Amino acid sequence: MALGNDEKIRELQLAEHSLQTLLVQKQNFQVQLMEVETALKELKAAKDAYRIIGSVMVGADKASLEGDLSSKEETLKLRIKSIDSQESRTRERASALQKEVLEAMQNDSKSAK
């Protein structure tokens, strides 16, 4: 196999590793988003609001807490959207590289015959 193919294989491996990293990050953000959405639902139904600071729970202004959680929710949604975009581009690149490598391998095996 030519050196160019080895480079493409390494690039493909890097793309696959990047995809795995992106998926882990996306999963973490999705878990955080679910927690924030659940907290917002509970907060709307609650009479009193509390904020955890370190290992202490203190009373908090409900409207302020809702604002903070809503802001965090929007930030998480933006991060997930950004990761989706990166994931799509990386998948496309990996697919193209995989196709190039397979074609090169087939051509190499035909020339070896």
PDB file of N, CA and C in Angstrom:
ATOM      1  N   MET A   1       0.844  -1.179   0.000  1.00  0.00           N
ATOM      2  CA  MET A   1       0.000   0.000   0.000  1.00  0.00           C
ATOM      3  C   MET A   1       0.887   1.239   0.000  1.00  0.00           C
ATOM      4  N   ALA A   2       0.500   2.220  -0.746  1.00  0.00           N
ATOM      5  CA  ALA A   2       1.306   3.437  -0.876  1.00  0.00           C
ATOM      6  C   ALA A   2       1.257   4.251   0.409  1.00  0.00           C
ATOM      7  N   LEU A   3       2.241   5.130   0.561  1.00  0.00           N
ATOM      8  CA  LEU A   3       2.322   5.970   1.754  1.00  0.00           C
ATOM      9  C   LEU A   3       1.081   6.834   1.904  1.00  0.00           C
ATOM     10  N   GLY A   4       0.541   7.330   0.780  1.00  0.00           N
ATOM     11  CA  GLY A   4      -0.673   8.148   0.819  1.00  0.00           C
ATOM     12  C   GLY A   4      -1.829   7.397   1.464  1.00  0.00           C
ATOM     13  N   ASN A   5      -1.915   6.107   1.188  1.00  0.00           N
ATOM     14  CA  ASN A   5      -2.982   5.299   1.784  1.00  0.00           C
ATOM     15  C   ASN A   5      -2.792   5.166   3.292  1.00  0.00           C
ATOM     16  N   ASP A   6      -1.543   4.999   3.725  1.00  0.00           N
ATOM     17  CA  ASP A   6      -1.271   4.912   5.165  1.00  0.00           C
ATOM     18  C   ASP A   6      -1.692   6.203   5.863  1.00  0.00           C
ATOM     19  N   GLU A   7      -1.408   7.319   5.212  1.00  0.00           N
ATOM     20  CA  GLU A   7      -1.800   8.608   5.789  1.00  0.00           C
ATOM     21  C   GLU A   7      -3.319   8.723   5.875  1.00  0.00           C
ATOM     22  N   LYS A   8      -3.995   8.252   4.837  1.00  0.00           N
ATOM     23  CA  LYS A   8      -5.459   8.294   4.827  1.00  0.00           C
ATOM     24  C   LYS A   8      -6.028   7.389   5.911  1.00  0.00           C
ATOM     25  N   ILE A   9      -5.408   6.253   6.119  1.00  0.00           N
ATOM     26  CA  ILE A   9      -5.859   5.338   7.174  1.00  0.00           C
ATOM     27  C   ILE A   9      -5.693   5.993   8.541  1.00  0.00           C
ATOM     28  N   ARG A  10      -4.550   6.643   8.759  1.00  0.00           N
ATOM     29  CA  ARG A  10      -4.336   7.345  10.031  1.00  0.00           C
ATOM     30  C   ARG A  10      -5.362   8.469  10.208  1.00  0.00           C
ATOM     31  N   GLU A  11      -5.623   9.194   9.116  1.00  0.00           N
ATOM     32  CA  GLU A  11      -6.609  10.272   9.181  1.00  0.00           C
ATOM     33  C   GLU A  11      -8.006   9.714   9.481  1.00  0.00           C
ATOM     34  N   LEU A  12      -8.315   8.570   8.909  1.00  0.00           N
ATOM     35  CA  LEU A  12      -9.591   7.905   9.172  1.00  0.00           C
ATOM     36  C   LEU A  12      -9.689   7.490  10.639  1.00  0.00           C
ATOM     37  N   GLN A  13      -8.607   6.952  11.180  1.00  0.00           N
ATOM     38  CA  GLN A  13      -8.595   6.565  12.588  1.00  0.00           C
ATOM     39  C   GLN A  13      -8.793   7.787  13.487  1.00  0.00           C
ATOM     40  N   LEU A  14      -8.162   8.895  13.125  1.00  0.00           N
ATOM     41  CA  LEU A  14      -8.340  10.132  13.896  1.00  0.00           C
ATOM     42  C   LEU A  14      -9.780  10.621  13.818  1.00  0.00           C
ATOM     43  N   ALA A  15     -10.378  10.533  12.649  1.00  0.00           N
ATOM     44  CA  ALA A  15     -11.772  10.954  12.483  1.00  0.00           C
ATOM     45  C   ALA A  15     -12.696  10.090  13.339  1.00  0.00           C
ATOM     46  N   GLU A  16     -12.442   8.787  13.352  1.00  0.00           N
ATOM     47  CA  GLU A  16     -13.259   7.884  14.168  1.00  0.00           C
ATOM     48  C   GLU A  16     -13.089   8.177  15.658  1.00  0.00           C
ATOM     49  N   HIS A  17     -11.864   8.485  16.061  1.00  0.00           N
ATOM     50  CA  HIS A  17     -11.616   8.850  17.456  1.00  0.00           C
ATOM     51  C   HIS A  17     -12.337  10.157  17.803  1.00  0.00           C
ATOM     52  N   SER A  18     -12.292  11.109  16.892  1.00  0.00           N
ATOM     53  CA  SER A  18     -12.989  12.383  17.100  1.00  0.00           C
ATOM     54  C   SER A  18     -14.494  12.162  17.240  1.00  0.00           C
ATOM     55  N   LEU A  19     -15.020  11.266  16.424  1.00  0.00           N
ATOM     56  CA  LEU A  19     -16.450  10.947  16.515  1.00  0.00           C
ATOM     57  C   LEU A  19     -16.805  10.384  17.881  1.00  0.00           C
ATOM     58  N   GLN A  20     -15.979   9.481  18.378  1.00  0.00           N
ATOM     59  CA  GLN A  20     -16.235   8.897  19.697  1.00  0.00           C
ATOM     60  C   GLN A  20     -16.211   9.969  20.774  1.00  0.00           C
ATOM     61  N   THR A  21     -15.240  10.875  20.693  1.00  0.00           N
ATOM     62  CA  THR A  21     -15.128  11.954  21.668  1.00  0.00           C
ATOM     63  C   THR A  21     -16.343  12.864  21.597  1.00  0.00           C
ATOM     64  N   LEU A  22     -16.767  13.197  20.391  1.00  0.00           N
ATOM     65  CA  LEU A  22     -17.943  14.054  20.220  1.00  0.00           C
ATOM     66  C   LEU A  22     -19.194  13.385  20.790  1.00  0.00           C
ATOM     67  N   LEU A  23     -19.328  12.096  20.563  1.00  0.00           N
ATOM     68  CA  LEU A  23     -20.509  11.382  21.063  1.00  0.00           C
ATOM     69  C   LEU A  23     -20.548  11.364  22.598  1.00  0.00           C
ATOM     70  N   VAL A  24     -19.394  11.204  23.222  1.00  0.00           N
ATOM     71  CA  VAL A  24     -19.332  11.228  24.688  1.00  0.00           C
ATOM     72  C   VAL A  24     -19.702  12.614  25.209  1.00  0.00           C
ATOM     73  N   GLN A  25     -19.156  13.652  24.574  1.00  0.00           N
ATOM     74  CA  GLN A  25     -19.483  15.021  24.979  1.00  0.00           C
ATOM     75  C   GLN A  25     -20.973  15.292  24.802  1.00  0.00           C
ATOM     76  N   LYS A  26     -21.507  14.884  23.670  1.00  0.00           N
ATOM     77  CA  LYS A  26     -22.929  15.092  23.379  1.00  0.00           C
ATOM     78  C   LYS A  26     -23.798  14.390  24.419  1.00  0.00           C
ATOM     79  N   GLN A  27     -23.429  13.170  24.757  1.00  0.00           N
ATOM     80  CA  GLN A  27     -24.186  12.411  25.747  1.00  0.00           C
ATOM     81  C   GLN A  27     -24.161  13.123  27.105  1.00  0.00           C
ATOM     82  N   ASN A  28     -22.991  13.635  27.496  1.00  0.00           N
ATOM     83  CA  ASN A  28     -22.883  14.362  28.769  1.00  0.00           C
ATOM     84  C   ASN A  28     -23.774  15.605  28.777  1.00  0.00           C
ATOM     85  N   PHE A  29     -23.760  16.346  27.671  1.00  0.00           N
ATOM     86  CA  PHE A  29     -24.597  17.547  27.588  1.00  0.00           C
ATOM     87  C   PHE A  29     -26.079  17.188  27.591  1.00  0.00           C
ATOM     88  N   GLN A  30     -26.444  16.083  26.942  1.00  0.00           N
ATOM     89  CA  GLN A  30     -27.841  15.657  26.921  1.00  0.00           C
ATOM     90  C   GLN A  30     -28.325  15.281  28.324  1.00  0.00           C
ATOM     91  N   VAL A  31     -27.465  14.628  29.094  1.00  0.00           N
ATOM     92  CA  VAL A  31     -27.811  14.273  30.477  1.00  0.00           C
ATOM     93  C   VAL A  31     -28.010  15.549  31.295  1.00  0.00           C
ATOM     94  N   GLN A  32     -27.083  16.501  31.146  1.00  0.00           N
ATOM     95  CA  GLN A  32     -27.205  17.770  31.863  1.00  0.00           C
ATOM     96  C   GLN A  32     -28.483  18.501  31.460  1.00  0.00           C
ATOM     97  N   LEU A  33     -28.811  18.477  30.165  1.00  0.00           N
ATOM     98  CA  LEU A  33     -30.018  19.140  29.674  1.00  0.00           C
ATOM     99  C   LEU A  33     -31.267  18.513  30.282  1.00  0.00           C
ATOM    100  N   MET A  34     -31.297  17.196  30.363  1.00  0.00           N
ATOM    101  CA  MET A  34     -32.445  16.522  30.976  1.00  0.00           C
ATOM    102  C   MET A  34     -32.589  16.923  32.440  1.00  0.00           C
ATOM    103  N   GLU A  35     -31.460  17.016  33.141  1.00  0.00           N
ATOM    104  CA  GLU A  35     -31.491  17.420  34.549  1.00  0.00           C
ATOM    105  C   GLU A  35     -32.023  18.836  34.702  1.00  0.00           C
ATOM    106  N   VAL A  36     -31.580  19.740  33.837  1.00  0.00           N
ATOM    107  CA  VAL A  36     -32.032  21.134  33.898  1.00  0.00           C
ATOM    108  C   VAL A  36     -33.518  21.228  33.573  1.00  0.00           C
ATOM    109  N   GLU A  37     -33.961  20.500  32.546  1.00  0.00           N
ATOM    110  CA  GLU A  37     -35.381  20.520  32.180  1.00  0.00           C
ATOM    111  C   GLU A  37     -36.250  19.970  33.309  1.00  0.00           C
ATOM    112  N   THR A  38     -35.786  18.916  33.954  1.00  0.00           N
ATOM    113  CA  THR A  38     -36.513  18.355  35.093  1.00  0.00           C
ATOM    114  C   THR A  38     -36.553  19.353  36.244  1.00  0.00           C
ATOM    115  N   ALA A  39     -35.437  20.005  36.506  1.00  0.00           N
ATOM    116  CA  ALA A  39     -35.378  21.004  37.585  1.00  0.00           C
ATOM    117  C   ALA A  39     -36.326  22.163  37.297  1.00  0.00           C
ATOM    118  N   LEU A  40     -36.380  22.595  36.037  1.00  0.00           N
ATOM    119  CA  LEU A  40     -37.297  23.689  35.677  1.00  0.00           C
ATOM    120  C   LEU A  40     -38.758  23.293  35.899  1.00  0.00           C
ATOM    121  N   LYS A  41     -39.118  22.067  35.519  1.00  0.00           N
ATOM    122  CA  LYS A  41     -40.489  21.581  35.730  1.00  0.00           C
ATOM    123  C   LYS A  41     -40.828  21.567  37.219  1.00  0.00           C
ATOM    124  N   GLU A  42     -39.912  21.012  38.002  1.00  0.00           N
ATOM    125  CA  GLU A  42     -40.140  20.931  39.447  1.00  0.00           C
ATOM    126  C   GLU A  42     -40.212  22.324  40.071  1.00  0.00           C
ATOM    127  N   LEU A  43     -39.382  23.213  39.598  1.00  0.00           N
ATOM    128  CA  LEU A  43     -39.343  24.574  40.137  1.00  0.00           C
ATOM    129  C   LEU A  43     -40.655  25.309  39.872  1.00  0.00           C
ATOM    130  N   LYS A  44     -41.228  25.098  38.692  1.00  0.00           N
ATOM    131  CA  LYS A  44     -42.502  25.759  38.362  1.00  0.00           C
ATOM    132  C   LYS A  44     -43.621  25.280  39.276  1.00  0.00           C
ATOM    133  N   ALA A  45     -43.570  24.029  39.676  1.00  0.00           N
ATOM    134  CA  ALA A  45     -44.611  23.466  40.538  1.00  0.00           C
ATOM    135  C   ALA A  45     -44.339  23.724  42.017  1.00  0.00           C
ATOM    136  N   ALA A  46     -43.126  24.120  42.349  1.00  0.00           N
ATOM    137  CA  ALA A  46     -42.742  24.290  43.760  1.00  0.00           C
ATOM    138  C   ALA A  46     -43.196  25.632  44.314  1.00  0.00           C
ATOM    139  N   LYS A  47     -43.459  25.618  45.611  1.00  0.00           N
ATOM    140  CA  LYS A  47     -43.829  26.846  46.303  1.00  0.00           C
ATOM    141  C   LYS A  47     -42.572  27.615  46.693  1.00  0.00           C
ATOM    142  N   ASP A  48     -41.577  26.902  47.182  1.00  0.00           N
ATOM    143  CA  ASP A  48     -40.319  27.516  47.599  1.00  0.00           C
ATOM    144  C   ASP A  48     -39.184  27.019  46.706  1.00  0.00           C
ATOM    145  N   ALA A  49     -38.136  27.836  46.613  1.00  0.00           N
ATOM    146  CA  ALA A  49     -36.984  27.462  45.791  1.00  0.00           C
ATOM    147  C   ALA A  49     -35.724  27.472  46.642  1.00  0.00           C
ATOM    148  N   TYR A  50     -34.820  26.548  46.334  1.00  0.00           N
ATOM    149  CA  TYR A  50     -33.557  26.436  47.064  1.00  0.00           C
ATOM    150  C   TYR A  50     -32.421  26.255  46.067  1.00  0.00           C
ATOM    151  N   ARG A  51     -31.263  26.721  46.472  1.00  0.00           N
ATOM    152  CA  ARG A  51     -30.049  26.575  45.655  1.00  0.00           C
ATOM    153  C   ARG A  51     -29.027  25.834  46.513  1.00  0.00           C
ATOM    154  N   ILE A  52     -28.334  24.896  45.883  1.00  0.00           N
ATOM    155  CA  ILE A  52     -27.298  24.154  46.608  1.00  0.00           C
ATOM    156  C   ILE A  52     -25.968  24.867  46.377  1.00  0.00           C
ATOM    157  N   ILE A  53     -25.333  25.256  47.457  1.00  0.00           N
ATOM    158  CA  ILE A  53     -24.026  25.905  47.400  1.00  0.00           C
ATOM    159  C   ILE A  53     -23.077  25.043  48.220  1.00  0.00           C
ATOM    160  N   GLY A  54     -22.189  24.344  47.513  1.00  0.00           N
ATOM    161  CA  GLY A  54     -21.301  23.404  48.198  1.00  0.00           C
ATOM    162  C   GLY A  54     -22.132  22.268  48.748  1.00  0.00           C
ATOM    163  N   SER A  55     -22.119  22.109  50.067  1.00  0.00           N
ATOM    164  CA  SER A  55     -22.918  21.054  50.689  1.00  0.00           C
ATOM    165  C   SER A  55     -24.086  21.630  51.486  1.00  0.00           C
ATOM    166  N   VAL A  56     -24.404  22.905  51.215  1.00  0.00           N
ATOM    167  CA  VAL A  56     -25.475  23.589  51.945  1.00  0.00           C
ATOM    168  C   VAL A  56     -26.582  23.994  50.973  1.00  0.00           C
ATOM    169  N   MET A  57     -27.832  23.775  51.395  1.00  0.00           N
ATOM    170  CA  MET A  57     -28.973  24.200  50.596  1.00  0.00           C
ATOM    171  C   MET A  57     -29.534  25.464  51.227  1.00  0.00           C
ATOM    172  N   VAL A  58     -29.629  26.537  50.433  1.00  0.00           N
ATOM    173  CA  VAL A  58     -30.125  27.815  50.946  1.00  0.00           C
ATOM    174  C   VAL A  58     -31.327  28.259  50.134  1.00  0.00           C
ATOM    175  N   GLY A  59     -32.204  29.027  50.766  1.00  0.00           N
ATOM    176  CA  GLY A  59     -33.366  29.563  50.070  1.00  0.00           C
ATOM    177  C   GLY A  59     -32.917  30.476  48.945  1.00  0.00           C
ATOM    178  N   ALA A  60     -33.684  30.489  47.841  1.00  0.00           N
ATOM    179  CA  ALA A  60     -33.318  31.307  46.689  1.00  0.00           C
ATOM    180  C   ALA A  60     -34.568  31.921  46.082  1.00  0.00           C
ATOM    181  N   ASP A  61     -34.374  33.029  45.385  1.00  0.00           N
ATOM    182  CA  ASP A  61     -35.460  33.671  44.664  1.00  0.00           C
ATOM    183  C   ASP A  61     -35.842  32.772  43.488  1.00  0.00           C
ATOM    184  N   LYS A  62     -37.106  32.391  43.436  1.00  0.00           N
ATOM    185  CA  LYS A  62     -37.588  31.445  42.424  1.00  0.00           C
ATOM    186  C   LYS A  62     -37.379  31.984  41.006  1.00  0.00           C
ATOM    187  N   ALA A  63     -37.685  33.248  40.780  1.00  0.00           N
ATOM    188  CA  ALA A  63     -37.544  33.841  39.447  1.00  0.00           C
ATOM    189  C   ALA A  63     -36.074  33.855  39.016  1.00  0.00           C
ATOM    190  N   SER A  64     -35.191  34.175  39.939  1.00  0.00           N
ATOM    191  CA  SER A  64     -33.754  34.203  39.636  1.00  0.00           C
ATOM    192  C   SER A  64     -33.256  32.803  39.294  1.00  0.00           C
ATOM    193  N   LEU A  65     -33.703  31.841  40.055  1.00  0.00           N
ATOM    194  CA  LEU A  65     -33.304  30.456  39.825  1.00  0.00           C
ATOM    195  C   LEU A  65     -33.827  29.964  38.474  1.00  0.00           C
ATOM    196  N   GLU A  66     -35.072  30.314  38.146  1.00  0.00           N
ATOM    197  CA  GLU A  66     -35.639  29.936  36.848  1.00  0.00           C
ATOM    198  C   GLU A  66     -34.830  30.568  35.711  1.00  0.00           C
ATOM    199  N   GLY A  67     -34.446  31.817  35.883  1.00  0.00           N
ATOM    200  CA  GLY A  67     -33.647  32.501  34.874  1.00  0.00           C
ATOM    201  C   GLY A  67     -32.303  31.816  34.673  1.00  0.00           C
ATOM    202  N   ASP A  68     -31.655  31.455  35.777  1.00  0.00           N
ATOM    203  CA  ASP A  68     -30.361  30.772  35.700  1.00  0.00           C
ATOM    204  C   ASP A  68     -30.494  29.425  34.987  1.00  0.00           C
ATOM    205  N   LEU A  69     -31.532  28.675  35.362  1.00  0.00           N
ATOM    206  CA  LEU A  69     -31.733  27.357  34.746  1.00  0.00           C
ATOM    207  C   LEU A  69     -32.091  27.487  33.264  1.00  0.00           C
ATOM    208  N   SER A  70     -32.910  28.469  32.924  1.00  0.00           N
ATOM    209  CA  SER A  70     -33.279  28.679  31.513  1.00  0.00           C
ATOM    210  C   SER A  70     -32.061  29.054  30.685  1.00  0.00           C
ATOM    211  N   SER A  71     -31.204  29.874  31.258  1.00  0.00           N
ATOM    212  CA  SER A  71     -29.969  30.260  30.574  1.00  0.00           C
ATOM    213  C   SER A  71     -29.074  29.043  30.357  1.00  0.00           C
ATOM    214  N   LYS A  72     -28.956  28.219  31.387  1.00  0.00           N
ATOM    215  CA  LYS A  72     -28.141  27.003  31.276  1.00  0.00           C
ATOM    216  C   LYS A  72     -28.745  26.059  30.234  1.00  0.00           C
ATOM    217  N   GLU A  73     -30.071  25.986  30.197  1.00  0.00           N
ATOM    218  CA  GLU A  73     -30.758  25.134  29.223  1.00  0.00           C
ATOM    219  C   GLU A  73     -30.428  25.582  27.794  1.00  0.00           C
ATOM    220  N   GLU A  74     -30.489  26.876  27.536  1.00  0.00           N
ATOM    221  CA  GLU A  74     -30.184  27.401  26.206  1.00  0.00           C
ATOM    222  C   GLU A  74     -28.725  27.133  25.822  1.00  0.00           C
ATOM    223  N   THR A  75     -27.828  27.328  26.778  1.00  0.00           N
ATOM    224  CA  THR A  75     -26.407  27.069  26.532  1.00  0.00           C
ATOM    225  C   THR A  75     -26.184  25.602  26.163  1.00  0.00           C
ATOM    226  N   LEU A  76     -26.816  24.703  26.897  1.00  0.00           N
ATOM    227  CA  LEU A  76     -26.667  23.270  26.617  1.00  0.00           C
ATOM    228  C   LEU A  76     -27.232  22.913  25.246  1.00  0.00           C
ATOM    229  N   LYS A  77     -28.370  23.498  24.889  1.00  0.00           N
ATOM    230  CA  LYS A  77     -28.962  23.229  23.577  1.00  0.00           C
ATOM    231  C   LYS A  77     -28.032  23.702  22.459  1.00  0.00           C
ATOM    232  N   LEU A  78     -27.412  24.864  22.656  1.00  0.00           N
ATOM    233  CA  LEU A  78     -26.467  25.377  21.657  1.00  0.00           C
ATOM    234  C   LEU A  78     -25.246  24.465  21.530  1.00  0.00           C
ATOM    235  N   ARG A  79     -24.748  23.987  22.668  1.00  0.00           N
ATOM    236  CA  ARG A  79     -23.590  23.092  22.632  1.00  0.00           C
ATOM    237  C   ARG A  79     -23.926  21.783  21.911  1.00  0.00           C
ATOM    238  N   ILE A  80     -25.108  21.257  22.180  1.00  0.00           N
ATOM    239  CA  ILE A  80     -25.524  20.015  21.521  1.00  0.00           C
ATOM    240  C   ILE A  80     -25.666  20.248  20.021  1.00  0.00           C
ATOM    241  N   LYS A  81     -26.243  21.380  19.641  1.00  0.00           N
ATOM    242  CA  LYS A  81     -26.394  21.704  18.218  1.00  0.00           C
ATOM    243  C   LYS A  81     -25.021  21.823  17.548  1.00  0.00           C
ATOM    244  N   SER A  82     -24.084  22.451  18.228  1.00  0.00           N
ATOM    245  CA  SER A  82     -22.727  22.595  17.697  1.00  0.00           C
ATOM    246  C   SER A  82     -22.062  21.231  17.526  1.00  0.00           C
ATOM    247  N   ILE A  83     -22.228  20.372  18.513  1.00  0.00           N
ATOM    248  CA  ILE A  83     -21.646  19.026  18.430  1.00  0.00           C
ATOM    249  C   ILE A  83     -22.303  18.239  17.305  1.00  0.00           C
ATOM    250  N   ASP A  84     -23.616  18.392  17.129  1.00  0.00           N
ATOM    251  CA  ASP A  84     -24.301  17.715  16.021  1.00  0.00           C
ATOM    252  C   ASP A  84     -23.686  18.112  14.681  1.00  0.00           C
ATOM    253  N   SER A  85     -23.406  19.396  14.535  1.00  0.00           N
ATOM    254  CA  SER A  85     -22.808  19.904  13.309  1.00  0.00           C
ATOM    255  C   SER A  85     -21.403  19.326  13.108  1.00  0.00           C
ATOM    256  N   GLN A  86     -20.596  19.344  14.167  1.00  0.00           N
ATOM    257  CA  GLN A  86     -19.244  18.767  14.096  1.00  0.00           C
ATOM    258  C   GLN A  86     -19.308  17.275  13.772  1.00  0.00           C
ATOM    259  N   GLU A  87     -20.249  16.607  14.414  1.00  0.00           N
ATOM    260  CA  GLU A  87     -20.403  15.163  14.207  1.00  0.00           C
ATOM    261  C   GLU A  87     -20.745  14.867  12.747  1.00  0.00           C
ATOM    262  N   SER A  88     -21.636  15.650  12.181  1.00  0.00           N
ATOM    263  CA  SER A  88     -22.037  15.458  10.787  1.00  0.00           C
ATOM    264  C   SER A  88     -20.851  15.658   9.842  1.00  0.00           C
ATOM    265  N   ARG A  89     -20.096  16.730  10.050  1.00  0.00           N
ATOM    266  CA  ARG A  89     -18.924  16.987   9.203  1.00  0.00           C
ATOM    267  C   ARG A  89     -17.882  15.877   9.354  1.00  0.00           C
ATOM    268  N   THR A  90     -17.667  15.426  10.570  1.00  0.00           N
ATOM    269  CA  THR A  90     -16.669  14.384  10.814  1.00  0.00           C
ATOM    270  C   THR A  90     -17.109  13.060  10.194  1.00  0.00           C
ATOM    271  N   ARG A  91     -18.389  12.746  10.298  1.00  0.00           N
ATOM    272  CA  ARG A  91     -18.905  11.513   9.680  1.00  0.00           C
ATOM    273  C   ARG A  91     -18.724  11.545   8.164  1.00  0.00           C
ATOM    274  N   GLU A  92     -19.032  12.697   7.558  1.00  0.00           N
ATOM    275  CA  GLU A  92     -18.880  12.829   6.108  1.00  0.00           C
ATOM    276  C   GLU A  92     -17.423  12.628   5.699  1.00  0.00           C
ATOM    277  N   ARG A  93     -16.512  13.240   6.449  1.00  0.00           N
ATOM    278  CA  ARG A  93     -15.084  13.121   6.145  1.00  0.00           C
ATOM    279  C   ARG A  93     -14.615  11.678   6.317  1.00  0.00           C
ATOM    280  N   ALA A  94     -15.049  11.042   7.399  1.00  0.00           N
ATOM    281  CA  ALA A  94     -14.658   9.644   7.650  1.00  0.00           C
ATOM    282  C   ALA A  94     -15.199   8.734   6.549  1.00  0.00           C
ATOM    283  N   SER A  95     -16.408   8.980   6.126  1.00  0.00           N
ATOM    284  CA  SER A  95     -17.006   8.168   5.068  1.00  0.00           C
ATOM    285  C   SER A  95     -16.234   8.327   3.758  1.00  0.00           C
ATOM    286  N   ALA A  96     -15.869   9.561   3.432  1.00  0.00           N
ATOM    287  CA  ALA A  96     -15.103   9.809   2.209  1.00  0.00           C
ATOM    288  C   ALA A  96     -13.734   9.144   2.285  1.00  0.00           C
ATOM    289  N   LEU A  97     -13.080   9.250   3.431  1.00  0.00           N
ATOM    290  CA  LEU A  97     -11.764   8.623   3.604  1.00  0.00           C
ATOM    291  C   LEU A  97     -11.861   7.103   3.500  1.00  0.00           C
ATOM    292  N   GLN A  98     -12.888   6.557   4.118  1.00  0.00           N
ATOM    293  CA  GLN A  98     -13.071   5.111   4.086  1.00  0.00           C
ATOM    294  C   GLN A  98     -13.250   4.632   2.641  1.00  0.00           C
ATOM    295  N   LYS A  99     -14.037   5.376   1.884  1.00  0.00           N
ATOM    296  CA  LYS A  99     -14.257   5.028   0.484  1.00  0.00           C
ATOM    297  C   LYS A  99     -12.944   5.089  -0.299  1.00  0.00           C
ATOM    298  N   GLU A 100     -12.159   6.161  -0.084  1.00  0.00           N
ATOM    299  CA  GLU A 100     -10.872   6.312  -0.769  1.00  0.00           C
ATOM    300  C   GLU A 100      -9.918   5.163  -0.427  1.00  0.00           C
ATOM    301  N   VAL A 101      -9.856   4.818   0.849  1.00  0.00           N
ATOM    302  CA  VAL A 101      -8.951   3.748   1.284  1.00  0.00           C
ATOM    303  C   VAL A 101      -9.376   2.407   0.684  1.00  0.00           C
ATOM    304  N   LEU A 102     -10.671   2.121   0.703  1.00  0.00           N
ATOM    305  CA  LEU A 102     -11.146   0.851   0.137  1.00  0.00           C
ATOM    306  C   LEU A 102     -10.866   0.764  -1.357  1.00  0.00           C
ATOM    307  N   GLU A 103     -11.099   1.881  -2.070  1.00  0.00           N
ATOM    308  CA  GLU A 103     -10.822   1.885  -3.507  1.00  0.00           C
ATOM    309  C   GLU A 103      -9.327   1.678  -3.771  1.00  0.00           C
ATOM    310  N   ALA A 104      -8.490   2.344  -2.983  1.00  0.00           N
ATOM    311  CA  ALA A 104      -7.039   2.194  -3.149  1.00  0.00           C
ATOM    312  C   ALA A 104      -6.605   0.767  -2.863  1.00  0.00           C
ATOM    313  N   MET A 105      -7.203   0.146  -1.835  1.00  0.00           N
ATOM    314  CA  MET A 105      -6.850  -1.237  -1.501  1.00  0.00           C
ATOM    315  C   MET A 105      -7.278  -2.186  -2.624  1.00  0.00           C
ATOM    316  N   GLN A 106      -8.446  -1.939  -3.200  1.00  0.00           N
ATOM    317  CA  GLN A 106      -8.913  -2.781  -4.303  1.00  0.00           C
ATOM    318  C   GLN A 106      -8.005  -2.627  -5.517  1.00  0.00           C
ATOM    319  N   ASN A 107      -7.602  -1.381  -5.794  1.00  0.00           N
ATOM    320  CA  ASN A 107      -6.690  -1.139  -6.921  1.00  0.00           C
ATOM    321  C   ASN A 107      -5.345  -1.803  -6.686  1.00  0.00           C
ATOM    322  N   ASP A 108      -4.846  -1.740  -5.437  1.00  0.00           N
ATOM    323  CA  ASP A 108      -3.575  -2.375  -5.117  1.00  0.00           C
ATOM    324  C   ASP A 108      -3.654  -3.892  -5.274  1.00  0.00           C
ATOM    325  N   SER A 109      -4.772  -4.479  -4.877  1.00  0.00           N
ATOM    326  CA  SER A 109      -4.902  -5.935  -4.978  1.00  0.00           C
ATOM    327  C   SER A 109      -5.042  -6.359  -6.447  1.00  0.00           C
ATOM    328  N   LYS A 110      -5.667  -5.501  -7.269  1.00  0.00           N
ATOM    329  CA  LYS A 110      -5.790  -5.820  -8.705  1.00  0.00           C
ATOM    330  C   LYS A 110      -4.417  -5.739  -9.381  1.00  0.00           C
ATOM    331  N   SER A 111      -3.592  -4.726  -8.994  1.00  0.00           N
ATOM    332  CA  SER A 111      -2.282  -4.588  -9.617  1.00  0.00           C
ATOM    333  C   SER A 111      -1.327  -5.661  -9.146  1.00  0.00           C
ATOM    334  N   ALA A 112      -1.576  -6.259  -7.997  1.00  0.00           N
ATOM    335  CA  ALA A 112      -0.693  -7.307  -7.486  1.00  0.00           C
ATOM    336  C   ALA A 112      -0.925  -8.623  -8.223  1.00  0.00           C
ATOM    337  N   LYS A 113      -2.073  -8.748  -8.878  1.00  0.00           N
ATOM    338  CA  LYS A 113      -2.397 -10.017  -9.570  1.00  0.00           C
ATOM    339  C   LYS A 113      -1.668 -10.156 -10.838  1.00  0.00           C
TER     340      LYS A 113
END
